[in-house]
Amino acid sequence: MKRIVAILLLVCFSMQCFSRLTVILGFELNQEYIATHLCVNRDSPAMECNGHCFLHKKLDQNQDRQNQENEDSGNRLVINLFCPDQPYSLPSPKELNMHKFVGGNNHYHYMPVFGFFHPPELAV
């Protein structure tokens, strides 16, 4: 059951991503009905519209809906999770020699150890 629900949700999300393709596919499957009942130019067969006017109308509606969704997503509230009180600057070598990190809060001590940083030895 979980697999069926997962596949159904995947198909639904895919259809949303490919909405233009969905509109065109729906037109191709129902072109005869659209040409005879929904086409604006169905009374003038010389234009050979065959429902393409209806397709362009639906594609324009789809594009307008996507533009509206993009505009709505741009109005979201953005919350910064990290806002330092003071601009951060690297400690000077003199401060490093004091074995104490002096940026921000002084709730911990920092002792830099540079003795073990060396390139790996190549085995011959």
PDB file of N, CA and C in Angstrom:
ATOM      1  N   MET A   1       0.830  -1.202   0.000  1.00  0.00           N
ATOM      2  CA  MET A   1       0.000   0.000   0.000  1.00  0.00           C
ATOM      3  C   MET A   1       0.873   1.263   0.000  1.00  0.00           C
ATOM      4  N   LYS A   2       1.964   1.219   0.797  1.00  0.00           N
ATOM      5  CA  LYS A   2       2.852   2.384   0.855  1.00  0.00           C
ATOM      6  C   LYS A   2       3.500   2.641  -0.502  1.00  0.00           C
ATOM      7  N   ARG A   3       3.832   1.562  -1.193  1.00  0.00           N
ATOM      8  CA  ARG A   3       4.468   1.702  -2.497  1.00  0.00           C
ATOM      9  C   ARG A   3       3.507   2.358  -3.489  1.00  0.00           C
ATOM     10  N   ILE A   4       2.244   1.987  -3.454  1.00  0.00           N
ATOM     11  CA  ILE A   4       1.244   2.558  -4.361  1.00  0.00           C
ATOM     12  C   ILE A   4       1.062   4.044  -4.073  1.00  0.00           C
ATOM     13  N   VAL A   5       0.984   4.413  -2.808  1.00  0.00           N
ATOM     14  CA  VAL A   5       0.838   5.824  -2.431  1.00  0.00           C
ATOM     15  C   VAL A   5       2.072   6.611  -2.856  1.00  0.00           C
ATOM     16  N   ALA A   6       3.262   6.036  -2.673  1.00  0.00           N
ATOM     17  CA  ALA A   6       4.494   6.715  -3.067  1.00  0.00           C
ATOM     18  C   ALA A   6       4.536   6.946  -4.574  1.00  0.00           C
ATOM     19  N   ILE A   7       4.147   5.935  -5.340  1.00  0.00           N
ATOM     20  CA  ILE A   7       4.130   6.081  -6.796  1.00  0.00           C
ATOM     21  C   ILE A   7       3.089   7.104  -7.225  1.00  0.00           C
ATOM     22  N   LEU A   8       1.933   7.099  -6.576  1.00  0.00           N
ATOM     23  CA  LEU A   8       0.886   8.075  -6.897  1.00  0.00           C
ATOM     24  C   LEU A   8       1.356   9.503  -6.604  1.00  0.00           C
ATOM     25  N   LEU A   9       1.996   9.711  -5.466  1.00  0.00           N
ATOM     26  CA  LEU A   9       2.513  11.046  -5.140  1.00  0.00           C
ATOM     27  C   LEU A   9       3.608  11.464  -6.109  1.00  0.00           C
ATOM     28  N   LEU A  10       4.467  10.536  -6.491  1.00  0.00           N
ATOM     29  CA  LEU A  10       5.527  10.833  -7.448  1.00  0.00           C
ATOM     30  C   LEU A  10       4.945  11.254  -8.792  1.00  0.00           C
ATOM     31  N   VAL A  11       3.913  10.568  -9.235  1.00  0.00           N
ATOM     32  CA  VAL A  11       3.261  10.913 -10.494  1.00  0.00           C
ATOM     33  C   VAL A  11       2.600  12.293 -10.389  1.00  0.00           C
ATOM     34  N   CYS A  12       1.955  12.576  -9.264  1.00  0.00           N
ATOM     35  CA  CYS A  12       1.295  13.886  -9.077  1.00  0.00           C
ATOM     36  C   CYS A  12       2.312  15.024  -9.092  1.00  0.00           C
ATOM     37  N   PHE A  13       3.431  14.841  -8.391  1.00  0.00           N
ATOM     38  CA  PHE A  13       4.457  15.885  -8.384  1.00  0.00           C
ATOM     39  C   PHE A  13       5.095  16.038  -9.757  1.00  0.00           C
ATOM     40  N   SER A  14       5.258  14.943 -10.467  1.00  0.00           N
ATOM     41  CA  SER A  14       5.813  15.012 -11.815  1.00  0.00           C
ATOM     42  C   SER A  14       4.870  15.755 -12.745  1.00  0.00           C
ATOM     43  N   MET A  15       3.583  15.510 -12.610  1.00  0.00           N
ATOM     44  CA  MET A  15       2.606  16.202 -13.445  1.00  0.00           C
ATOM     45  C   MET A  15       2.640  17.702 -13.184  1.00  0.00           C
ATOM     46  N   GLN A  16       2.885  18.095 -11.949  1.00  0.00           N
ATOM     47  CA  GLN A  16       2.970  19.509 -11.631  1.00  0.00           C
ATOM     48  C   GLN A  16       4.191  20.125 -12.289  1.00  0.00           C
ATOM     49  N   CYS A  17       5.295  19.404 -12.290  1.00  0.00           N
ATOM     50  CA  CYS A  17       6.528  19.919 -12.900  1.00  0.00           C
ATOM     51  C   CYS A  17       6.402  19.996 -14.415  1.00  0.00           C
ATOM     52  N   PHE A  18       5.674  19.068 -15.000  1.00  0.00           N
ATOM     53  CA  PHE A  18       5.527  19.037 -16.445  1.00  0.00           C
ATOM     54  C   PHE A  18       4.116  19.453 -16.842  1.00  0.00           C
ATOM     55  N   SER A  19       3.633  20.553 -16.287  1.00  0.00           N
ATOM     56  CA  SER A  19       2.253  20.964 -16.535  1.00  0.00           C
ATOM     57  C   SER A  19       2.030  21.344 -17.994  1.00  0.00           C
ATOM     58  N   ARG A  20       3.029  21.924 -18.637  1.00  0.00           N
ATOM     59  CA  ARG A  20       2.889  22.277 -20.052  1.00  0.00           C
ATOM     60  C   ARG A  20       2.712  21.006 -20.887  1.00  0.00           C
ATOM     61  N   LEU A  21       3.510  20.010 -20.584  1.00  0.00           N
ATOM     62  CA  LEU A  21       3.396  18.737 -21.292  1.00  0.00           C
ATOM     63  C   LEU A  21       2.032  18.088 -21.028  1.00  0.00           C
ATOM     64  N   THR A  22       1.534  18.242 -19.797  1.00  0.00           N
ATOM     65  CA  THR A  22       0.236  17.690 -19.441  1.00  0.00           C
ATOM     66  C   THR A  22      -0.876  18.346 -20.262  1.00  0.00           C
ATOM     67  N   VAL A  23      -0.793  19.659 -20.446  1.00  0.00           N
ATOM     68  CA  VAL A  23      -1.803  20.375 -21.232  1.00  0.00           C
ATOM     69  C   VAL A  23      -1.761  19.910 -22.685  1.00  0.00           C
ATOM     70  N   ILE A  24      -0.556  19.779 -23.231  1.00  0.00           N
ATOM     71  CA  ILE A  24      -0.426  19.357 -24.633  1.00  0.00           C
ATOM     72  C   ILE A  24      -0.905  17.920 -24.802  1.00  0.00           C
ATOM     73  N   LEU A  25      -0.557  17.045 -23.860  1.00  0.00           N
ATOM     74  CA  LEU A  25      -0.996  15.660 -23.931  1.00  0.00           C
ATOM     75  C   LEU A  25      -2.521  15.552 -23.840  1.00  0.00           C
ATOM     76  N   GLY A  26      -3.122  16.328 -22.949  1.00  0.00           N
ATOM     77  CA  GLY A  26      -4.586  16.346 -22.850  1.00  0.00           C
ATOM     78  C   GLY A  26      -5.228  16.840 -24.126  1.00  0.00           C
ATOM     79  N   PHE A  27      -4.607  17.813 -24.777  1.00  0.00           N
ATOM     80  CA  PHE A  27      -5.133  18.305 -26.055  1.00  0.00           C
ATOM     81  C   PHE A  27      -5.042  17.220 -27.125  1.00  0.00           C
ATOM     82  N   GLU A  28      -3.895  16.539 -27.195  1.00  0.00           N
ATOM     83  CA  GLU A  28      -3.723  15.506 -28.215  1.00  0.00           C
ATOM     84  C   GLU A  28      -4.715  14.358 -28.026  1.00  0.00           C
ATOM     85  N   LEU A  29      -4.993  13.987 -26.779  1.00  0.00           N
ATOM     86  CA  LEU A  29      -5.919  12.898 -26.522  1.00  0.00           C
ATOM     87  C   LEU A  29      -7.369  13.268 -26.828  1.00  0.00           C
ATOM     88  N   ASN A  30      -7.719  14.542 -26.664  1.00  0.00           N
ATOM     89  CA  ASN A  30      -9.109  14.986 -26.841  1.00  0.00           C
ATOM     90  C   ASN A  30      -9.256  15.967 -27.993  1.00  0.00           C
ATOM     91  N   GLN A  31      -8.392  15.905 -28.988  1.00  0.00           N
ATOM     92  CA  GLN A  31      -8.400  16.908 -30.053  1.00  0.00           C
ATOM     93  C   GLN A  31      -9.693  16.897 -30.866  1.00  0.00           C
ATOM     94  N   GLU A  32     -10.239  15.738 -31.117  1.00  0.00           N
ATOM     95  CA  GLU A  32     -11.481  15.676 -31.903  1.00  0.00           C
ATOM     96  C   GLU A  32     -12.631  16.356 -31.167  1.00  0.00           C
ATOM     97  N   TYR A  33     -12.772  16.074 -29.869  1.00  0.00           N
ATOM     98  CA  TYR A  33     -13.840  16.693 -29.084  1.00  0.00           C
ATOM     99  C   TYR A  33     -13.623  18.212 -28.989  1.00  0.00           C
ATOM    100  N   ILE A  34     -12.384  18.615 -28.767  1.00  0.00           N
ATOM    101  CA  ILE A  34     -12.080  20.054 -28.650  1.00  0.00           C
ATOM    102  C   ILE A  34     -12.370  20.757 -29.968  1.00  0.00           C
ATOM    103  N   ALA A  35     -11.985  20.141 -31.092  1.00  0.00           N
ATOM    104  CA  ALA A  35     -12.190  20.771 -32.398  1.00  0.00           C
ATOM    105  C   ALA A  35     -13.673  20.909 -32.733  1.00  0.00           C
ATOM    106  N   THR A  36     -14.490  19.950 -32.296  1.00  0.00           N
ATOM    107  CA  THR A  36     -15.913  20.011 -32.650  1.00  0.00           C
ATOM    108  C   THR A  36     -16.763  20.795 -31.649  1.00  0.00           C
ATOM    109  N   HIS A  37     -16.373  20.841 -30.380  1.00  0.00           N
ATOM    110  CA  HIS A  37     -17.227  21.464 -29.368  1.00  0.00           C
ATOM    111  C   HIS A  37     -16.647  22.716 -28.706  1.00  0.00           C
ATOM    112  N   LEU A  38     -15.335  22.783 -28.511  1.00  0.00           N
ATOM    113  CA  LEU A  38     -14.755  23.869 -27.723  1.00  0.00           C
ATOM    114  C   LEU A  38     -13.987  24.901 -28.549  1.00  0.00           C
ATOM    115  N   CYS A  39     -13.701  24.597 -29.785  1.00  0.00           N
ATOM    116  CA  CYS A  39     -12.897  25.497 -30.623  1.00  0.00           C
ATOM    117  C   CYS A  39     -13.678  26.770 -30.942  1.00  0.00           C
ATOM    118  N   VAL A  40     -12.995  27.897 -30.871  1.00  0.00           N
ATOM    119  CA  VAL A  40     -13.631  29.182 -31.173  1.00  0.00           C
ATOM    120  C   VAL A  40     -13.910  29.287 -32.669  1.00  0.00           C
ATOM    121  N   ASN A  41     -13.027  28.713 -33.474  1.00  0.00           N
ATOM    122  CA  ASN A  41     -13.141  28.812 -34.936  1.00  0.00           C
ATOM    123  C   ASN A  41     -13.789  27.577 -35.566  1.00  0.00           C
ATOM    124  N   ARG A  42     -14.649  26.879 -34.839  1.00  0.00           N
ATOM    125  CA  ARG A  42     -15.240  25.650 -35.372  1.00  0.00           C
ATOM    126  C   ARG A  42     -16.236  25.927 -36.500  1.00  0.00           C
ATOM    127  N   ASP A  43     -16.753  27.167 -36.589  1.00  0.00           N
ATOM    128  CA  ASP A  43     -17.719  27.511 -37.639  1.00  0.00           C
ATOM    129  C   ASP A  43     -17.038  27.852 -38.953  1.00  0.00           C
ATOM    130  N   SER A  44     -15.737  28.096 -38.935  1.00  0.00           N
ATOM    131  CA  SER A  44     -15.022  28.419 -40.179  1.00  0.00           C
ATOM    132  C   SER A  44     -13.938  27.375 -40.423  1.00  0.00           C
ATOM    133  N   PRO A  45     -14.270  26.285 -41.105  1.00  0.00           N
ATOM    134  CA  PRO A  45     -13.294  25.209 -41.337  1.00  0.00           C
ATOM    135  C   PRO A  45     -12.158  25.623 -42.258  1.00  0.00           C
ATOM    136  N   ALA A  46     -12.286  26.740 -42.966  1.00  0.00           N
ATOM    137  CA  ALA A  46     -11.221  27.188 -43.867  1.00  0.00           C
ATOM    138  C   ALA A  46      -9.962  27.579 -43.083  1.00  0.00           C
ATOM    139  N   MET A  47     -10.118  27.924 -41.807  1.00  0.00           N
ATOM    140  CA  MET A  47      -8.963  28.331 -40.991  1.00  0.00           C
ATOM    141  C   MET A  47      -8.115  27.134 -40.570  1.00  0.00           C
ATOM    142  N   GLU A  48      -8.700  25.940 -40.614  1.00  0.00           N
ATOM    143  CA  GLU A  48      -8.021  24.703 -40.228  1.00  0.00           C
ATOM    144  C   GLU A  48      -7.382  24.822 -38.843  1.00  0.00           C
ATOM    145  N   CYS A  49      -8.146  25.335 -37.924  1.00  0.00           N
ATOM    146  CA  CYS A  49      -7.674  25.531 -36.549  1.00  0.00           C
ATOM    147  C   CYS A  49      -7.572  24.199 -35.810  1.00  0.00           C
ATOM    148  N   ASN A  50      -8.590  23.378 -35.945  1.00  0.00           N
ATOM    149  CA  ASN A  50      -8.641  22.054 -35.315  1.00  0.00           C
ATOM    150  C   ASN A  50      -8.387  22.096 -33.809  1.00  0.00           C
ATOM    151  N   GLY A  51      -8.800  23.161 -33.171  1.00  0.00           N
ATOM    152  CA  GLY A  51      -8.684  23.253 -31.719  1.00  0.00           C
ATOM    153  C   GLY A  51      -7.390  23.858 -31.216  1.00  0.00           C
ATOM    154  N   HIS A  52      -6.506  24.273 -32.111  1.00  0.00           N
ATOM    155  CA  HIS A  52      -5.238  24.848 -31.667  1.00  0.00           C
ATOM    156  C   HIS A  52      -5.437  26.182 -30.934  1.00  0.00           C
ATOM    157  N   CYS A  53      -6.516  26.891 -31.259  1.00  0.00           N
ATOM    158  CA  CYS A  53      -6.810  28.125 -30.527  1.00  0.00           C
ATOM    159  C   CYS A  53      -7.090  27.807 -29.058  1.00  0.00           C
ATOM    160  N   PHE A  54      -7.811  26.716 -28.823  1.00  0.00           N
ATOM    161  CA  PHE A  54      -8.106  26.285 -27.456  1.00  0.00           C
ATOM    162  C   PHE A  54      -6.815  25.871 -26.746  1.00  0.00           C
ATOM    163  N   LEU A  55      -5.925  25.181 -27.479  1.00  0.00           N
ATOM    164  CA  LEU A  55      -4.632  24.782 -26.907  1.00  0.00           C
ATOM    165  C   LEU A  55      -3.819  26.000 -26.496  1.00  0.00           C
ATOM    166  N   HIS A  56      -3.738  27.007 -27.356  1.00  0.00           N
ATOM    167  CA  HIS A  56      -2.972  28.220 -27.024  1.00  0.00           C
ATOM    168  C   HIS A  56      -3.584  28.949 -25.829  1.00  0.00           C
ATOM    169  N   LYS A  57      -4.911  28.949 -25.756  1.00  0.00           N
ATOM    170  CA  LYS A  57      -5.587  29.576 -24.620  1.00  0.00           C
ATOM    171  C   LYS A  57      -5.231  28.860 -23.320  1.00  0.00           C
ATOM    172  N   LYS A  58      -5.248  27.533 -23.334  1.00  0.00           N
ATOM    173  CA  LYS A  58      -4.910  26.750 -22.134  1.00  0.00           C
ATOM    174  C   LYS A  58      -3.437  26.911 -21.767  1.00  0.00           C
ATOM    175  N   LEU A  59      -2.549  26.960 -22.765  1.00  0.00           N
ATOM    176  CA  LEU A  59      -1.130  27.155 -22.476  1.00  0.00           C
ATOM    177  C   LEU A  59      -0.871  28.531 -21.869  1.00  0.00           C
ATOM    178  N   ASP A  60      -1.583  29.553 -22.355  1.00  0.00           N
ATOM    179  CA  ASP A  60      -1.451  30.890 -21.768  1.00  0.00           C
ATOM    180  C   ASP A  60      -1.949  30.912 -20.329  1.00  0.00           C
ATOM    181  N   GLN A  61      -3.078  30.234 -20.058  1.00  0.00           N
ATOM    182  CA  GLN A  61      -3.586  30.148 -18.688  1.00  0.00           C
ATOM    183  C   GLN A  61      -2.580  29.438 -17.782  1.00  0.00           C
ATOM    184  N   ASN A  62      -1.973  28.367 -18.296  1.00  0.00           N
ATOM    185  CA  ASN A  62      -0.983  27.620 -17.529  1.00  0.00           C
ATOM    186  C   ASN A  62       0.229  28.497 -17.223  1.00  0.00           C
ATOM    187  N   GLN A  63       0.690  29.261 -18.209  1.00  0.00           N
ATOM    188  CA  GLN A  63       1.845  30.149 -18.013  1.00  0.00           C
ATOM    189  C   GLN A  63       1.513  31.248 -16.999  1.00  0.00           C
ATOM    190  N   ASP A  64       0.308  31.804 -17.092  1.00  0.00           N
ATOM    191  CA  ASP A  64      -0.101  32.833 -16.121  1.00  0.00           C
ATOM    192  C   ASP A  64      -0.151  32.258 -14.703  1.00  0.00           C
ATOM    193  N   ARG A  65      -0.644  31.037 -14.570  1.00  0.00           N
ATOM    194  CA  ARG A  65      -0.713  30.391 -13.254  1.00  0.00           C
ATOM    195  C   ARG A  65       0.693  30.159 -12.700  1.00  0.00           C
ATOM    196  N   GLN A  66       1.616  29.715 -13.552  1.00  0.00           N
ATOM    197  CA  GLN A  66       2.988  29.503 -13.095  1.00  0.00           C
ATOM    198  C   GLN A  66       3.655  30.814 -12.704  1.00  0.00           C
ATOM    199  N   ASN A  67       3.409  31.875 -13.468  1.00  0.00           N
ATOM    200  CA  ASN A  67       3.965  33.187 -13.116  1.00  0.00           C
ATOM    201  C   ASN A  67       3.413  33.670 -11.784  1.00  0.00           C
ATOM    202  N   GLN A  68       2.128  33.449 -11.554  1.00  0.00           N
ATOM    203  CA  GLN A  68       1.503  33.846 -10.283  1.00  0.00           C
ATOM    204  C   GLN A  68       2.110  33.064  -9.125  1.00  0.00           C
ATOM    205  N   GLU A  69       2.357  31.762  -9.327  1.00  0.00           N
ATOM    206  CA  GLU A  69       2.971  30.948  -8.272  1.00  0.00           C
ATOM    207  C   GLU A  69       4.387  31.417  -7.987  1.00  0.00           C
ATOM    208  N   ASN A  70       5.131  31.812  -9.035  1.00  0.00           N
ATOM    209  CA  ASN A  70       6.492  32.312  -8.829  1.00  0.00           C
ATOM    210  C   ASN A  70       6.481  33.636  -8.073  1.00  0.00           C
ATOM    211  N   GLU A  71       5.524  34.497  -8.375  1.00  0.00           N
ATOM    212  CA  GLU A  71       5.420  35.762  -7.655  1.00  0.00           C
ATOM    213  C   GLU A  71       5.044  35.529  -6.196  1.00  0.00           C
ATOM    214  N   ASP A  72       4.143  34.576  -5.953  1.00  0.00           N
ATOM    215  CA  ASP A  72       3.734  34.278  -4.592  1.00  0.00           C
ATOM    216  C   ASP A  72       4.882  33.676  -3.794  1.00  0.00           C
ATOM    217  N   SER A  73       5.712  32.861  -4.439  1.00  0.00           N
ATOM    218  CA  SER A  73       6.836  32.262  -3.714  1.00  0.00           C
ATOM    219  C   SER A  73       7.901  33.302  -3.403  1.00  0.00           C
ATOM    220  N   GLY A  74       7.943  34.408  -4.143  1.00  0.00           N
ATOM    221  CA  GLY A  74       8.913  35.467  -3.873  1.00  0.00           C
ATOM    222  C   GLY A  74       8.537  36.309  -2.668  1.00  0.00           C
ATOM    223  N   ASN A  75       7.324  36.203  -2.164  1.00  0.00           N
ATOM    224  CA  ASN A  75       6.861  36.999  -1.033  1.00  0.00           C
ATOM    225  C   ASN A  75       7.019  36.272   0.292  1.00  0.00           C
ATOM    226  N   ARG A  76       7.855  35.256   0.342  1.00  0.00           N
ATOM    227  CA  ARG A  76       8.030  34.494   1.567  1.00  0.00           C
ATOM    228  C   ARG A  76       8.917  35.244   2.548  1.00  0.00           C
ATOM    229  N   LEU A  77       8.706  34.969   3.802  1.00  0.00           N
ATOM    230  CA  LEU A  77       9.500  35.563   4.862  1.00  0.00           C
ATOM    231  C   LEU A  77      10.798  34.794   5.006  1.00  0.00           C
ATOM    232  N   VAL A  78      11.921  35.501   5.019  1.00  0.00           N
ATOM    233  CA  VAL A  78      13.223  34.877   5.165  1.00  0.00           C
ATOM    234  C   VAL A  78      13.749  35.210   6.553  1.00  0.00           C
ATOM    235  N   ILE A  79      14.107  34.184   7.302  1.00  0.00           N
ATOM    236  CA  ILE A  79      14.634  34.372   8.651  1.00  0.00           C
ATOM    237  C   ILE A  79      16.081  33.900   8.665  1.00  0.00           C
ATOM    238  N   ASN A  80      16.983  34.782   9.031  1.00  0.00           N
ATOM    239  CA  ASN A  80      18.386  34.411   9.141  1.00  0.00           C
ATOM    240  C   ASN A  80      18.608  33.720  10.474  1.00  0.00           C
ATOM    241  N   LEU A  81      19.167  32.520  10.415  1.00  0.00           N
ATOM    242  CA  LEU A  81      19.394  31.775  11.641  1.00  0.00           C
ATOM    243  C   LEU A  81      20.694  32.171  12.326  1.00  0.00           C
ATOM    244  N   PHE A  82      21.620  32.762  11.621  1.00  0.00           N
ATOM    245  CA  PHE A  82      22.897  33.161  12.197  1.00  0.00           C
ATOM    246  C   PHE A  82      23.080  34.645  11.970  1.00  0.00           C
ATOM    247  N   CYS A  83      22.994  35.421  13.033  1.00  0.00           N
ATOM    248  CA  CYS A  83      23.171  36.866  12.954  1.00  0.00           C
ATOM    249  C   CYS A  83      24.204  37.274  14.002  1.00  0.00           C
ATOM    250  N   PRO A  84      25.468  37.394  13.633  1.00  0.00           N
ATOM    251  CA  PRO A  84      26.479  37.770  14.625  1.00  0.00           C
ATOM    252  C   PRO A  84      26.272  39.205  15.097  1.00  0.00           C
ATOM    253  N   ASP A  85      26.550  39.425  16.360  1.00  0.00           N
ATOM    254  CA  ASP A  85      26.417  40.766  16.911  1.00  0.00           C
ATOM    255  C   ASP A  85      27.516  41.685  16.389  1.00  0.00           C
ATOM    256  N   GLN A  86      28.705  41.136  16.249  1.00  0.00           N
ATOM    257  CA  GLN A  86      29.833  41.906  15.770  1.00  0.00           C
ATOM    258  C   GLN A  86      30.393  41.223  14.531  1.00  0.00           C
ATOM    259  N   PRO A  87      30.959  42.002  13.622  1.00  0.00           N
ATOM    260  CA  PRO A  87      31.574  41.356  12.470  1.00  0.00           C
ATOM    261  C   PRO A  87      32.759  40.497  12.917  1.00  0.00           C
ATOM    262  N   TYR A  88      32.884  39.342  12.312  1.00  0.00           N
ATOM    263  CA  TYR A  88      33.925  38.401  12.718  1.00  0.00           C
ATOM    264  C   TYR A  88      35.234  38.749  12.034  1.00  0.00           C
ATOM    265  N   SER A  89      36.307  38.723  12.774  1.00  0.00           N
ATOM    266  CA  SER A  89      37.636  38.920  12.207  1.00  0.00           C
ATOM    267  C   SER A  89      38.552  37.846  12.772  1.00  0.00           C
ATOM    268  N   LEU A  90      39.541  37.466  11.988  1.00  0.00           N
ATOM    269  CA  LEU A  90      40.473  36.439  12.431  1.00  0.00           C
ATOM    270  C   LEU A  90      41.359  36.977  13.547  1.00  0.00           C
ATOM    271  N   PRO A  91      41.689  36.155  14.525  1.00  0.00           N
ATOM    272  CA  PRO A  91      42.554  36.613  15.607  1.00  0.00           C
ATOM    273  C   PRO A  91      43.990  36.804  15.106  1.00  0.00           C
ATOM    274  N   SER A  92      44.656  37.747  15.705  1.00  0.00           N
ATOM    275  CA  SER A  92      46.048  38.014  15.341  1.00  0.00           C
ATOM    276  C   SER A  92      46.946  36.922  15.926  1.00  0.00           C
ATOM    277  N   PRO A  93      48.174  36.791  15.431  1.00  0.00           N
ATOM    278  CA  PRO A  93      49.082  35.784  15.995  1.00  0.00           C
ATOM    279  C   PRO A  93      49.340  35.981  17.485  1.00  0.00           C
ATOM    280  N   LYS A  94      49.329  37.222  17.936  1.00  0.00           N
ATOM    281  CA  LYS A  94      49.529  37.488  19.359  1.00  0.00           C
ATOM    282  C   LYS A  94      48.386  36.900  20.180  1.00  0.00           C
ATOM    283  N   GLU A  95      47.159  37.054  19.678  1.00  0.00           N
ATOM    284  CA  GLU A  95      46.004  36.480  20.380  1.00  0.00           C
ATOM    285  C   GLU A  95      46.037  34.962  20.349  1.00  0.00           C
ATOM    286  N   LEU A  96      46.559  34.383  19.277  1.00  0.00           N
ATOM    287  CA  LEU A  96      46.674  32.929  19.213  1.00  0.00           C
ATOM    288  C   LEU A  96      47.662  32.397  20.241  1.00  0.00           C
ATOM    289  N   ASN A  97      48.709  33.168  20.507  1.00  0.00           N
ATOM    290  CA  ASN A  97      49.696  32.745  21.493  1.00  0.00           C
ATOM    291  C   ASN A  97      49.148  32.783  22.906  1.00  0.00           C
ATOM    292  N   MET A  98      48.083  33.513  23.135  1.00  0.00           N
ATOM    293  CA  MET A  98      47.496  33.580  24.465  1.00  0.00           C
ATOM    294  C   MET A  98      46.693  32.313  24.764  1.00  0.00           C
ATOM    295  N   HIS A  99      46.548  31.416  23.779  1.00  0.00           N
ATOM    296  CA  HIS A  99      45.821  30.165  23.926  1.00  0.00           C
ATOM    297  C   HIS A  99      44.372  30.382  24.322  1.00  0.00           C
ATOM    298  N   LYS A 100      43.857  31.476  23.904  1.00  0.00           N
ATOM    299  CA  LYS A 100      42.468  31.768  24.213  1.00  0.00           C
ATOM    300  C   LYS A 100      41.843  32.440  22.994  1.00  0.00           C
ATOM    301  N   PHE A 101      40.740  31.916  22.538  1.00  0.00           N
ATOM    302  CA  PHE A 101      40.043  32.502  21.406  1.00  0.00           C
ATOM    303  C   PHE A 101      39.214  33.675  21.903  1.00  0.00           C
ATOM    304  N   VAL A 102      39.367  34.845  21.279  1.00  0.00           N
ATOM    305  CA  VAL A 102      38.735  36.042  21.808  1.00  0.00           C
ATOM    306  C   VAL A 102      37.615  36.569  20.914  1.00  0.00           C
ATOM    307  N   GLY A 103      36.964  35.745  20.149  1.00  0.00           N
ATOM    308  CA  GLY A 103      35.875  36.230  19.321  1.00  0.00           C
ATOM    309  C   GLY A 103      34.539  35.862  19.936  1.00  0.00           C
ATOM    310  N   GLY A 104      33.581  36.741  19.909  1.00  0.00           N
ATOM    311  CA  GLY A 104      32.239  36.432  20.404  1.00  0.00           C
ATOM    312  C   GLY A 104      32.219  36.158  21.896  1.00  0.00           C
ATOM    313  N   ASN A 105      31.790  34.974  22.287  1.00  0.00           N
ATOM    314  CA  ASN A 105      31.661  34.607  23.693  1.00  0.00           C
ATOM    315  C   ASN A 105      32.963  33.991  24.200  1.00  0.00           C
ATOM    316  N   ASN A 106      33.268  34.205  25.472  1.00  0.00           N
ATOM    317  CA  ASN A 106      34.470  33.645  26.086  1.00  0.00           C
ATOM    318  C   ASN A 106      34.113  32.467  26.981  1.00  0.00           C
ATOM    319  N   HIS A 107      33.258  31.594  26.511  1.00  0.00           N
ATOM    320  CA  HIS A 107      32.826  30.465  27.319  1.00  0.00           C
ATOM    321  C   HIS A 107      33.703  29.241  27.147  1.00  0.00           C
ATOM    322  N   TYR A 108      34.694  29.308  26.269  1.00  0.00           N
ATOM    323  CA  TYR A 108      35.571  28.171  26.062  1.00  0.00           C
ATOM    324  C   TYR A 108      36.960  28.676  25.699  1.00  0.00           C
ATOM    325  N   HIS A 109      37.914  27.816  25.859  1.00  0.00           N
ATOM    326  CA  HIS A 109      39.291  28.147  25.510  1.00  0.00           C
ATOM    327  C   HIS A 109      39.693  27.343  24.293  1.00  0.00           C
ATOM    328  N   TYR A 110      40.583  27.931  23.528  1.00  0.00           N
ATOM    329  CA  TYR A 110      41.020  27.318  22.294  1.00  0.00           C
ATOM    330  C   TYR A 110      42.537  27.310  22.280  1.00  0.00           C
ATOM    331  N   MET A 111      43.124  26.154  22.128  1.00  0.00           N
ATOM    332  CA  MET A 111      44.569  26.051  22.071  1.00  0.00           C
ATOM    333  C   MET A 111      44.947  25.498  20.695  1.00  0.00           C
ATOM    334  N   PRO A 112      45.492  26.353  19.817  1.00  0.00           N
ATOM    335  CA  PRO A 112      45.845  25.851  18.489  1.00  0.00           C
ATOM    336  C   PRO A 112      47.044  24.910  18.555  1.00  0.00           C
ATOM    337  N   VAL A 113      46.955  23.824  17.834  1.00  0.00           N
ATOM    338  CA  VAL A 113      48.043  22.852  17.768  1.00  0.00           C
ATOM    339  C   VAL A 113      48.420  22.720  16.301  1.00  0.00           C
ATOM    340  N   PHE A 114      49.647  23.159  15.963  1.00  0.00           N
ATOM    341  CA  PHE A 114      50.091  23.132  14.585  1.00  0.00           C
ATOM    342  C   PHE A 114      51.176  22.090  14.343  1.00  0.00           C
ATOM    343  N   GLY A 115      51.572  21.341  15.346  1.00  0.00           N
ATOM    344  CA  GLY A 115      52.692  20.419  15.221  1.00  0.00           C
ATOM    345  C   GLY A 115      52.402  19.205  14.371  1.00  0.00           C
ATOM    346  N   PHE A 116      51.185  18.756  14.285  1.00  0.00           N
ATOM    347  CA  PHE A 116      50.909  17.534  13.562  1.00  0.00           C
ATOM    348  C   PHE A 116      50.455  17.758  12.126  1.00  0.00           C
ATOM    349  N   PHE A 117      50.330  18.977  11.679  1.00  0.00           N
ATOM    350  CA  PHE A 117      49.934  19.256  10.302  1.00  0.00           C
ATOM    351  C   PHE A 117      51.139  19.165   9.387  1.00  0.00           C
ATOM    352  N   HIS A 118      51.246  18.098   8.624  1.00  0.00           N
ATOM    353  CA  HIS A 118      52.311  17.922   7.650  1.00  0.00           C
ATOM    354  C   HIS A 118      51.777  17.078   6.518  1.00  0.00           C
ATOM    355  N   PRO A 119      52.402  17.185   5.358  1.00  0.00           N
ATOM    356  CA  PRO A 119      51.900  16.386   4.218  1.00  0.00           C
ATOM    357  C   PRO A 119      52.137  14.901   4.462  1.00  0.00           C
ATOM    358  N   PRO A 120      51.299  14.064   3.896  1.00  0.00           N
ATOM    359  CA  PRO A 120      51.477  12.624   4.099  1.00  0.00           C
ATOM    360  C   PRO A 120      52.750  12.134   3.442  1.00  0.00           C
ATOM    361  N   GLU A 121      53.352  11.133   4.048  1.00  0.00           N
ATOM    362  CA  GLU A 121      54.575  10.554   3.483  1.00  0.00           C
ATOM    363  C   GLU A 121      54.188   9.532   2.416  1.00  0.00           C
ATOM    364  N   LEU A 122      54.930   9.542   1.351  1.00  0.00           N
ATOM    365  CA  LEU A 122      54.666   8.601   0.270  1.00  0.00           C
ATOM    366  C   LEU A 122      55.359   7.281   0.560  1.00  0.00           C
ATOM    367  N   ALA A 123      54.648   6.210   0.454  1.00  0.00           N
ATOM    368  CA  ALA A 123      55.230   4.883   0.661  1.00  0.00           C
ATOM    369  C   ALA A 123      55.897   4.442  -0.626  1.00  0.00           C
ATOM    370  N   VAL A 124      57.139   4.026  -0.521  1.00  0.00           N
ATOM    371  CA  VAL A 124      57.893   3.622  -1.723  1.00  0.00           C
ATOM    372  C   VAL A 124      57.939   2.127  -1.829  1.00  0.00           C
TER     373      VAL A 124
END
